[in-house]
Amino acid sequence: MSARLDLERCSRCGRCLEVCPGGLLRAGPDGRPTLAEPERCWSCAACLKECPNQALALSLPPSLGGRGTLLTAARRPDGLEWTAHFPDGRTKTLRS
């Protein structure tokens, strides 16, 4: 798994840079985060949970949802909302 960034959603708030435990996210020249070493990302989802704009997603392996499935997280007043975005357009949402 690896984090992916949607540049159009990113507001350059820097929250993801602060919470990445591996220090793998770094600010690029335009202030947006870049994943310096994607192969070292351990998919802890700290960046997803912190991003206020759902600009970050984790690509899930086939065993957890199929090729091309992306996982996003959104803070809600009652907790986190996790959404799997499948390649065929379906979504599945769970709350924690």
PDB file of N, CA and C in Angstrom:
ATOM      1  N   MET A   1       0.849  -1.177   0.000  1.00  0.00           N
ATOM      2  CA  MET A   1       0.000   0.000   0.000  1.00  0.00           C
ATOM      3  C   MET A   1       0.891   1.235   0.000  1.00  0.00           C
ATOM      4  N   SER A   2       0.352   2.322  -0.463  1.00  0.00           N
ATOM      5  CA  SER A   2       1.092   3.563  -0.511  1.00  0.00           C
ATOM      6  C   SER A   2       0.109   4.725  -0.537  1.00  0.00           C
ATOM      7  N   ALA A   3       0.528   5.861   0.014  1.00  0.00           N
ATOM      8  CA  ALA A   3      -0.324   7.046   0.016  1.00  0.00           C
ATOM      9  C   ALA A   3      -0.316   7.699  -1.364  1.00  0.00           C
ATOM     10  N   ARG A   4      -1.468   8.243  -1.744  1.00  0.00           N
ATOM     11  CA  ARG A   4      -1.606   8.981  -3.002  1.00  0.00           C
ATOM     12  C   ARG A   4      -2.200  10.340  -2.686  1.00  0.00           C
ATOM     13  N   LEU A   5      -1.821  11.341  -3.440  1.00  0.00           N
ATOM     14  CA  LEU A   5      -2.268  12.704  -3.202  1.00  0.00           C
ATOM     15  C   LEU A   5      -3.095  13.217  -4.377  1.00  0.00           C
ATOM     16  N   ASP A   6      -4.251  13.805  -4.059  1.00  0.00           N
ATOM     17  CA  ASP A   6      -5.088  14.473  -5.049  1.00  0.00           C
ATOM     18  C   ASP A   6      -4.739  15.957  -4.961  1.00  0.00           C
ATOM     19  N   LEU A   7      -3.946  16.438  -5.908  1.00  0.00           N
ATOM     20  CA  LEU A   7      -3.439  17.812  -5.865  1.00  0.00           C
ATOM     21  C   LEU A   7      -4.542  18.860  -5.878  1.00  0.00           C
ATOM     22  N   GLU A   8      -5.663  18.563  -6.502  1.00  0.00           N
ATOM     23  CA  GLU A   8      -6.749  19.536  -6.558  1.00  0.00           C
ATOM     24  C   GLU A   8      -7.429  19.720  -5.204  1.00  0.00           C
ATOM     25  N   ARG A   9      -7.388  18.714  -4.358  1.00  0.00           N
ATOM     26  CA  ARG A   9      -8.015  18.805  -3.037  1.00  0.00           C
ATOM     27  C   ARG A   9      -7.066  19.353  -1.974  1.00  0.00           C
ATOM     28  N   CYS A  10      -5.777  19.290  -2.229  1.00  0.00           N
ATOM     29  CA  CYS A  10      -4.783  19.681  -1.223  1.00  0.00           C
ATOM     30  C   CYS A  10      -4.792  21.197  -1.006  1.00  0.00           C
ATOM     31  N   SER A  11      -4.887  21.615   0.256  1.00  0.00           N
ATOM     32  CA  SER A  11      -4.893  23.044   0.590  1.00  0.00           C
ATOM     33  C   SER A  11      -3.539  23.511   1.128  1.00  0.00           C
ATOM     34  N   ARG A  12      -2.555  22.606   1.144  1.00  0.00           N
ATOM     35  CA  ARG A  12      -1.199  22.919   1.640  1.00  0.00           C
ATOM     36  C   ARG A  12      -1.178  23.287   3.115  1.00  0.00           C
ATOM     37  N   CYS A  13      -2.061  22.678   3.901  1.00  0.00           N
ATOM     38  CA  CYS A  13      -2.125  22.993   5.327  1.00  0.00           C
ATOM     39  C   CYS A  13      -0.932  22.429   6.100  1.00  0.00           C
ATOM     40  N   GLY A  14      -0.314  21.373   5.586  1.00  0.00           N
ATOM     41  CA  GLY A  14       0.873  20.806   6.232  1.00  0.00           C
ATOM     42  C   GLY A  14       0.605  19.814   7.344  1.00  0.00           C
ATOM     43  N   ARG A  15      -0.654  19.544   7.642  1.00  0.00           N
ATOM     44  CA  ARG A  15      -0.963  18.611   8.734  1.00  0.00           C
ATOM     45  C   ARG A  15      -0.392  17.223   8.486  1.00  0.00           C
ATOM     46  N   CYS A  16      -0.469  16.764   7.249  1.00  0.00           N
ATOM     47  CA  CYS A  16       0.043  15.425   6.930  1.00  0.00           C
ATOM     48  C   CYS A  16       1.553  15.347   7.141  1.00  0.00           C
ATOM     49  N   LEU A  17       2.255  16.448   6.837  1.00  0.00           N
ATOM     50  CA  LEU A  17       3.706  16.476   7.021  1.00  0.00           C
ATOM     51  C   LEU A  17       4.071  16.300   8.491  1.00  0.00           C
ATOM     52  N   GLU A  18       3.261  16.873   9.358  1.00  0.00           N
ATOM     53  CA  GLU A  18       3.528  16.829  10.797  1.00  0.00           C
ATOM     54  C   GLU A  18       3.282  15.460  11.412  1.00  0.00           C
ATOM     55  N   VAL A  19       2.338  14.685  10.860  1.00  0.00           N
ATOM     56  CA  VAL A  19       1.951  13.438  11.511  1.00  0.00           C
ATOM     57  C   VAL A  19       2.578  12.184  10.924  1.00  0.00           C
ATOM     58  N   CYS A  20       3.223  12.270   9.777  1.00  0.00           N
ATOM     59  CA  CYS A  20       3.814  11.072   9.164  1.00  0.00           C
ATOM     60  C   CYS A  20       4.936  10.553  10.066  1.00  0.00           C
ATOM     61  N   PRO A  21       4.747   9.385  10.696  1.00  0.00           N
ATOM     62  CA  PRO A  21       5.749   8.892  11.637  1.00  0.00           C
ATOM     63  C   PRO A  21       7.081   8.523  10.999  1.00  0.00           C
ATOM     64  N   GLY A  22       7.063   8.249   9.710  1.00  0.00           N
ATOM     65  CA  GLY A  22       8.307   7.906   9.022  1.00  0.00           C
ATOM     66  C   GLY A  22       8.987   9.104   8.395  1.00  0.00           C
ATOM     67  N   GLY A  23       8.354  10.288   8.479  1.00  0.00           N
ATOM     68  CA  GLY A  23       8.903  11.480   7.862  1.00  0.00           C
ATOM     69  C   GLY A  23       8.988  11.357   6.351  1.00  0.00           C
ATOM     70  N   LEU A  24       8.082  10.582   5.766  1.00  0.00           N
ATOM     71  CA  LEU A  24       8.130  10.314   4.332  1.00  0.00           C
ATOM     72  C   LEU A  24       7.461  11.393   3.494  1.00  0.00           C
ATOM     73  N   LEU A  25       6.576  12.163   4.089  1.00  0.00           N
ATOM     74  CA  LEU A  25       5.929  13.255   3.369  1.00  0.00           C
ATOM     75  C   LEU A  25       6.750  14.524   3.566  1.00  0.00           C
ATOM     76  N   ARG A  26       7.047  15.179   2.467  1.00  0.00           N
ATOM     77  CA  ARG A  26       7.837  16.406   2.516  1.00  0.00           C
ATOM     78  C   ARG A  26       7.161  17.454   1.654  1.00  0.00           C
ATOM     79  N   ALA A  27       7.337  18.715   2.018  1.00  0.00           N
ATOM     80  CA  ALA A  27       6.758  19.797   1.228  1.00  0.00           C
ATOM     81  C   ALA A  27       7.542  19.966  -0.063  1.00  0.00           C
ATOM     82  N   GLY A  28       6.812  19.989  -1.173  1.00  0.00           N
ATOM     83  CA  GLY A  28       7.432  20.223  -2.467  1.00  0.00           C
ATOM     84  C   GLY A  28       7.640  21.716  -2.679  1.00  0.00           C
ATOM     85  N   PRO A  29       8.176  22.114  -3.804  1.00  0.00           N
ATOM     86  CA  PRO A  29       8.425  23.526  -4.097  1.00  0.00           C
ATOM     87  C   PRO A  29       7.168  24.392  -4.038  1.00  0.00           C
ATOM     88  N   ASP A  30       6.010  23.791  -4.339  1.00  0.00           N
ATOM     89  CA  ASP A  30       4.750  24.538  -4.314  1.00  0.00           C
ATOM     90  C   ASP A  30       4.044  24.448  -2.960  1.00  0.00           C
ATOM     91  N   GLY A  31       4.681  23.807  -1.976  1.00  0.00           N
ATOM     92  CA  GLY A  31       4.101  23.680  -0.643  1.00  0.00           C
ATOM     93  C   GLY A  31       3.242  22.457  -0.446  1.00  0.00           C
ATOM     94  N   ARG A  32       2.955  21.747  -1.522  1.00  0.00           N
ATOM     95  CA  ARG A  32       2.148  20.529  -1.403  1.00  0.00           C
ATOM     96  C   ARG A  32       3.043  19.367  -1.009  1.00  0.00           C
ATOM     97  N   PRO A  33       2.479  18.402  -0.278  1.00  0.00           N
ATOM     98  CA  PRO A  33       3.291  17.258   0.137  1.00  0.00           C
ATOM     99  C   PRO A  33       3.656  16.348  -1.025  1.00  0.00           C
ATOM    100  N   THR A  34       4.805  15.742  -0.901  1.00  0.00           N
ATOM    101  CA  THR A  34       5.220  14.703  -1.837  1.00  0.00           C
ATOM    102  C   THR A  34       5.662  13.518  -1.001  1.00  0.00           C
ATOM    103  N   LEU A  35       5.450  12.333  -1.505  1.00  0.00           N
ATOM    104  CA  LEU A  35       5.860  11.117  -0.818  1.00  0.00           C
ATOM    105  C   LEU A  35       7.264  10.790  -1.301  1.00  0.00           C
ATOM    106  N   ALA A  36       8.238  11.094  -0.444  1.00  0.00           N
ATOM    107  CA  ALA A  36       9.645  10.993  -0.829  1.00  0.00           C
ATOM    108  C   ALA A  36      10.058   9.574  -1.196  1.00  0.00           C
ATOM    109  N   GLU A  37       9.647   8.607  -0.409  1.00  0.00           N
ATOM    110  CA  GLU A  37      10.034   7.219  -0.645  1.00  0.00           C
ATOM    111  C   GLU A  37       8.802   6.327  -0.499  1.00  0.00           C
ATOM    112  N   PRO A  38       7.986   6.222  -1.542  1.00  0.00           N
ATOM    113  CA  PRO A  38       6.729   5.476  -1.442  1.00  0.00           C
ATOM    114  C   PRO A  38       6.903   4.039  -0.972  1.00  0.00           C
ATOM    115  N   GLU A  39       7.999   3.413  -1.330  1.00  0.00           N
ATOM    116  CA  GLU A  39       8.221   2.019  -0.938  1.00  0.00           C
ATOM    117  C   GLU A  39       8.416   1.858   0.574  1.00  0.00           C
ATOM    118  N   ARG A  40       8.727   2.951   1.269  1.00  0.00           N
ATOM    119  CA  ARG A  40       8.903   2.887   2.726  1.00  0.00           C
ATOM    120  C   ARG A  40       7.623   3.197   3.494  1.00  0.00           C
ATOM    121  N   CYS A  41       6.567   3.616   2.800  1.00  0.00           N
ATOM    122  CA  CYS A  41       5.293   3.929   3.455  1.00  0.00           C
ATOM    123  C   CYS A  41       4.711   2.645   4.038  1.00  0.00           C
ATOM    124  N   TRP A  42       4.417   2.642   5.327  1.00  0.00           N
ATOM    125  CA  TRP A  42       3.875   1.428   5.953  1.00  0.00           C
ATOM    126  C   TRP A  42       2.360   1.502   6.107  1.00  0.00           C
ATOM    127  N   SER A  43       1.739   2.456   5.455  1.00  0.00           N
ATOM    128  CA  SER A  43       0.274   2.556   5.385  1.00  0.00           C
ATOM    129  C   SER A  43      -0.393   2.658   6.739  1.00  0.00           C
ATOM    130  N   CYS A  44       0.177   3.478   7.599  1.00  0.00           N
ATOM    131  CA  CYS A  44      -0.396   3.660   8.937  1.00  0.00           C
ATOM    132  C   CYS A  44      -1.674   4.492   8.900  1.00  0.00           C
ATOM    133  N   ALA A  45      -1.885   5.257   7.825  1.00  0.00           N
ATOM    134  CA  ALA A  45      -3.070   6.096   7.601  1.00  0.00           C
ATOM    135  C   ALA A  45      -3.113   7.343   8.469  1.00  0.00           C
ATOM    136  N   ALA A  46      -2.017   7.691   9.125  1.00  0.00           N
ATOM    137  CA  ALA A  46      -1.984   8.916   9.936  1.00  0.00           C
ATOM    138  C   ALA A  46      -2.278  10.137   9.075  1.00  0.00           C
ATOM    139  N   CYS A  47      -1.717  10.182   7.879  1.00  0.00           N
ATOM    140  CA  CYS A  47      -1.931  11.328   6.989  1.00  0.00           C
ATOM    141  C   CYS A  47      -3.387  11.409   6.544  1.00  0.00           C
ATOM    142  N   LEU A  48      -4.002  10.279   6.275  1.00  0.00           N
ATOM    143  CA  LEU A  48      -5.407  10.263   5.856  1.00  0.00           C
ATOM    144  C   LEU A  48      -6.297  10.824   6.945  1.00  0.00           C
ATOM    145  N   LYS A  49      -6.058  10.388   8.178  1.00  0.00           N
ATOM    146  CA  LYS A  49      -6.891  10.806   9.297  1.00  0.00           C
ATOM    147  C   LYS A  49      -6.750  12.292   9.588  1.00  0.00           C
ATOM    148  N   GLU A  50      -5.615  12.871   9.268  1.00  0.00           N
ATOM    149  CA  GLU A  50      -5.356  14.272   9.585  1.00  0.00           C
ATOM    150  C   GLU A  50      -5.784  15.237   8.487  1.00  0.00           C
ATOM    151  N   CYS A  51      -5.855  14.780   7.255  1.00  0.00           N
ATOM    152  CA  CYS A  51      -6.153  15.662   6.123  1.00  0.00           C
ATOM    153  C   CYS A  51      -7.607  16.144   6.179  1.00  0.00           C
ATOM    154  N   PRO A  52      -7.826  17.467   6.242  1.00  0.00           N
ATOM    155  CA  PRO A  52      -9.194  17.977   6.325  1.00  0.00           C
ATOM    156  C   PRO A  52      -9.944  17.953   4.993  1.00  0.00           C
ATOM    157  N   ASN A  53      -9.244  17.693   3.892  1.00  0.00           N
ATOM    158  CA  ASN A  53      -9.859  17.776   2.565  1.00  0.00           C
ATOM    159  C   ASN A  53      -9.941  16.448   1.828  1.00  0.00           C
ATOM    160  N   GLN A  54      -9.609  15.367   2.481  1.00  0.00           N
ATOM    161  CA  GLN A  54      -9.569  14.043   1.855  1.00  0.00           C
ATOM    162  C   GLN A  54      -8.701  14.067   0.591  1.00  0.00           C
ATOM    163  N   ALA A  55      -7.581  14.776   0.674  1.00  0.00           N
ATOM    164  CA  ALA A  55      -6.664  14.861  -0.457  1.00  0.00           C
ATOM    165  C   ALA A  55      -5.730  13.662  -0.520  1.00  0.00           C
ATOM    166  N   LEU A  56      -5.660  12.898   0.557  1.00  0.00           N
ATOM    167  CA  LEU A  56      -4.793  11.722   0.606  1.00  0.00           C
ATOM    168  C   LEU A  56      -5.620  10.449   0.634  1.00  0.00           C
ATOM    169  N   ALA A  57      -5.097   9.432  -0.018  1.00  0.00           N
ATOM    170  CA  ALA A  57      -5.759   8.127  -0.054  1.00  0.00           C
ATOM    171  C   ALA A  57      -4.683   7.050  -0.028  1.00  0.00           C
ATOM    172  N   LEU A  58      -5.056   5.876   0.446  1.00  0.00           N
ATOM    173  CA  LEU A  58      -4.159   4.721   0.387  1.00  0.00           C
ATOM    174  C   LEU A  58      -4.644   3.800  -0.717  1.00  0.00           C
ATOM    175  N   SER A  59      -3.718   3.339  -1.527  1.00  0.00           N
ATOM    176  CA  SER A  59      -4.088   2.337  -2.532  1.00  0.00           C
ATOM    177  C   SER A  59      -4.031   0.979  -1.848  1.00  0.00           C
ATOM    178  N   LEU A  60      -5.112   0.241  -1.918  1.00  0.00           N
ATOM    179  CA  LEU A  60      -5.219  -1.043  -1.231  1.00  0.00           C
ATOM    180  C   LEU A  60      -4.753  -2.187  -2.133  1.00  0.00           C
ATOM    181  N   PRO A  61      -4.115  -3.194  -1.537  1.00  0.00           N
ATOM    182  CA  PRO A  61      -3.696  -4.351  -2.331  1.00  0.00           C
ATOM    183  C   PRO A  61      -4.918  -5.191  -2.722  1.00  0.00           C
ATOM    184  N   PRO A  62      -4.764  -6.058  -3.705  1.00  0.00           N
ATOM    185  CA  PRO A  62      -5.890  -6.895  -4.147  1.00  0.00           C
ATOM    186  C   PRO A  62      -6.548  -7.672  -3.007  1.00  0.00           C
ATOM    187  N   SER A  63      -5.783  -8.117  -2.031  1.00  0.00           N
ATOM    188  CA  SER A  63      -6.349  -8.913  -0.940  1.00  0.00           C
ATOM    189  C   SER A  63      -7.288  -8.097  -0.044  1.00  0.00           C
ATOM    190  N   LEU A  64      -7.215  -6.762  -0.118  1.00  0.00           N
ATOM    191  CA  LEU A  64      -8.072  -5.919   0.715  1.00  0.00           C
ATOM    192  C   LEU A  64      -9.093  -5.116  -0.075  1.00  0.00           C
ATOM    193  N   GLY A  65      -9.292  -5.433  -1.315  1.00  0.00           N
ATOM    194  CA  GLY A  65     -10.304  -4.698  -2.045  1.00  0.00           C
ATOM    195  C   GLY A  65     -10.154  -4.722  -3.544  1.00  0.00           C
ATOM    196  N   GLY A  66      -9.092  -5.278  -4.012  1.00  0.00           N
ATOM    197  CA  GLY A  66      -8.934  -5.356  -5.454  1.00  0.00           C
ATOM    198  C   GLY A  66      -8.004  -4.303  -6.003  1.00  0.00           C
ATOM    199  N   ARG A  67      -7.504  -4.595  -7.130  1.00  0.00           N
ATOM    200  CA  ARG A  67      -6.570  -3.696  -7.812  1.00  0.00           C
ATOM    201  C   ARG A  67      -7.234  -2.338  -8.088  1.00  0.00           C
ATOM    202  N   GLY A  68      -6.577  -1.274  -7.651  1.00  0.00           N
ATOM    203  CA  GLY A  68      -7.076   0.064  -7.926  1.00  0.00           C
ATOM    204  C   GLY A  68      -7.997   0.647  -6.871  1.00  0.00           C
ATOM    205  N   THR A  69      -8.287  -0.075  -5.806  1.00  0.00           N
ATOM    206  CA  THR A  69      -9.162   0.438  -4.760  1.00  0.00           C
ATOM    207  C   THR A  69      -8.400   1.436  -3.897  1.00  0.00           C
ATOM    208  N   LEU A  70      -9.026   2.580  -3.622  1.00  0.00           N
ATOM    209  CA  LEU A  70      -8.424   3.613  -2.783  1.00  0.00           C
ATOM    210  C   LEU A  70      -9.229   3.772  -1.506  1.00  0.00           C
ATOM    211  N   LEU A  71      -8.536   4.020  -0.396  1.00  0.00           N
ATOM    212  CA  LEU A  71      -9.163   4.226   0.910  1.00  0.00           C
ATOM    213  C   LEU A  71      -8.952   5.668   1.334  1.00  0.00           C
ATOM    214  N   THR A  72     -10.046   6.348   1.720  1.00  0.00           N
ATOM    215  CA  THR A  72      -9.953   7.709   2.240  1.00  0.00           C
ATOM    216  C   THR A  72     -10.562   7.749   3.633  1.00  0.00           C
ATOM    217  N   ALA A  73     -10.244   8.807   4.372  1.00  0.00           N
ATOM    218  CA  ALA A  73     -10.790   8.997   5.712  1.00  0.00           C
ATOM    219  C   ALA A  73     -11.265  10.432   5.845  1.00  0.00           C
ATOM    220  N   ALA A  74     -12.352  10.619   6.595  1.00  0.00           N
ATOM    221  CA  ALA A  74     -12.886  11.955   6.857  1.00  0.00           C
ATOM    222  C   ALA A  74     -13.282  12.043   8.319  1.00  0.00           C
ATOM    223  N   ARG A  75     -12.891  13.136   8.962  1.00  0.00           N
ATOM    224  CA  ARG A  75     -13.309  13.368  10.352  1.00  0.00           C
ATOM    225  C   ARG A  75     -14.757  13.846  10.357  1.00  0.00           C
ATOM    226  N   ARG A  76     -15.542  13.225  11.195  1.00  0.00           N
ATOM    227  CA  ARG A  76     -16.929  13.603  11.410  1.00  0.00           C
ATOM    228  C   ARG A  76     -17.091  13.888  12.899  1.00  0.00           C
ATOM    229  N   PRO A  77     -18.144  14.597  13.297  1.00  0.00           N
ATOM    230  CA  PRO A  77     -18.319  14.911  14.718  1.00  0.00           C
ATOM    231  C   PRO A  77     -18.341  13.673  15.614  1.00  0.00           C
ATOM    232  N   ASP A  78     -18.802  12.549  15.070  1.00  0.00           N
ATOM    233  CA  ASP A  78     -18.911  11.334  15.882  1.00  0.00           C
ATOM    234  C   ASP A  78     -17.778  10.343  15.630  1.00  0.00           C
ATOM    235  N   GLY A  79     -16.728  10.733  14.912  1.00  0.00           N
ATOM    236  CA  GLY A  79     -15.596   9.829  14.677  1.00  0.00           C
ATOM    237  C   GLY A  79     -15.098   9.904  13.251  1.00  0.00           C
ATOM    238  N   LEU A  80     -14.377   8.878  12.855  1.00  0.00           N
ATOM    239  CA  LEU A  80     -13.823   8.829  11.503  1.00  0.00           C
ATOM    240  C   LEU A  80     -14.739   8.061  10.564  1.00  0.00           C
ATOM    241  N   GLU A  81     -14.783   8.512   9.332  1.00  0.00           N
ATOM    242  CA  GLU A  81     -15.533   7.836   8.289  1.00  0.00           C
ATOM    243  C   GLU A  81     -14.523   7.346   7.252  1.00  0.00           C
ATOM    244  N   TRP A  82     -14.436   6.029   7.077  1.00  0.00           N
ATOM    245  CA  TRP A  82     -13.525   5.406   6.123  1.00  0.00           C
ATOM    246  C   TRP A  82     -14.305   5.007   4.892  1.00  0.00           C
ATOM    247  N   THR A  83     -13.797   5.354   3.712  1.00  0.00           N
ATOM    248  CA  THR A  83     -14.488   5.008   2.470  1.00  0.00           C
ATOM    249  C   THR A  83     -13.528   4.305   1.522  1.00  0.00           C
ATOM    250  N   ALA A  84     -13.963   3.148   1.029  1.00  0.00           N
ATOM    251  CA  ALA A  84     -13.221   2.432  -0.003  1.00  0.00           C
ATOM    252  C   ALA A  84     -13.844   2.822  -1.336  1.00  0.00           C
ATOM    253  N   HIS A  85     -13.005   3.279  -2.265  1.00  0.00           N
ATOM    254  CA  HIS A  85     -13.436   3.695  -3.600  1.00  0.00           C
ATOM    255  C   HIS A  85     -12.952   2.625  -4.574  1.00  0.00           C
ATOM    256  N   PHE A  86     -13.871   1.808  -5.063  1.00  0.00           N
ATOM    257  CA  PHE A  86     -13.532   0.700  -5.958  1.00  0.00           C
ATOM    258  C   PHE A  86     -13.374   1.186  -7.400  1.00  0.00           C
ATOM    259  N   PRO A  87     -12.556   0.494  -8.196  1.00  0.00           N
ATOM    260  CA  PRO A  87     -12.331   0.911  -9.593  1.00  0.00           C
ATOM    261  C   PRO A  87     -13.588   0.972 -10.447  1.00  0.00           C
ATOM    262  N   ASP A  88     -14.611   0.183 -10.092  1.00  0.00           N
ATOM    263  CA  ASP A  88     -15.830   0.168 -10.902  1.00  0.00           C
ATOM    264  C   ASP A  88     -16.813   1.281 -10.498  1.00  0.00           C
ATOM    265  N   GLY A  89     -16.389   2.182  -9.593  1.00  0.00           N
ATOM    266  CA  GLY A  89     -17.224   3.301  -9.196  1.00  0.00           C
ATOM    267  C   GLY A  89     -17.997   3.097  -7.897  1.00  0.00           C
ATOM    268  N   ARG A  90     -18.049   1.865  -7.409  1.00  0.00           N
ATOM    269  CA  ARG A  90     -18.736   1.601  -6.135  1.00  0.00           C
ATOM    270  C   ARG A  90     -17.932   2.197  -4.977  1.00  0.00           C
ATOM    271  N   THR A  91     -18.616   2.478  -3.884  1.00  0.00           N
ATOM    272  CA  THR A  91     -17.946   2.883  -2.649  1.00  0.00           C
ATOM    273  C   THR A  91     -18.562   2.114  -1.492  1.00  0.00           C
ATOM    274  N   LYS A  92     -17.787   1.965  -0.442  1.00  0.00           N
ATOM    275  CA  LYS A  92     -18.278   1.343   0.791  1.00  0.00           C
ATOM    276  C   LYS A  92     -17.721   2.172   1.937  1.00  0.00           C
ATOM    277  N   THR A  93     -18.607   2.619   2.830  1.00  0.00           N
ATOM    278  CA  THR A  93     -18.203   3.502   3.927  1.00  0.00           C
ATOM    279  C   THR A  93     -18.474   2.839   5.266  1.00  0.00           C
ATOM    280  N   LEU A  94     -17.513   2.982   6.165  1.00  0.00           N
ATOM    281  CA  LEU A  94     -17.624   2.504   7.545  1.00  0.00           C
ATOM    282  C   LEU A  94     -17.236   3.632   8.486  1.00  0.00           C
ATOM    283  N   ARG A  95     -17.840   3.637   9.659  1.00  0.00           N
ATOM    284  CA  ARG A  95     -17.503   4.638  10.675  1.00  0.00           C
ATOM    285  C   ARG A  95     -16.807   3.982  11.854  1.00  0.00           C
ATOM    286  N   SER A  96     -15.841   4.713  12.412  1.00  0.00           N
ATOM    287  CA  SER A  96     -15.160   4.212  13.620  1.00  0.00           C
ATOM    288  C   SER A  96     -15.131   5.287  14.678  1.00  0.00           C
TER     289      SER A  96
END
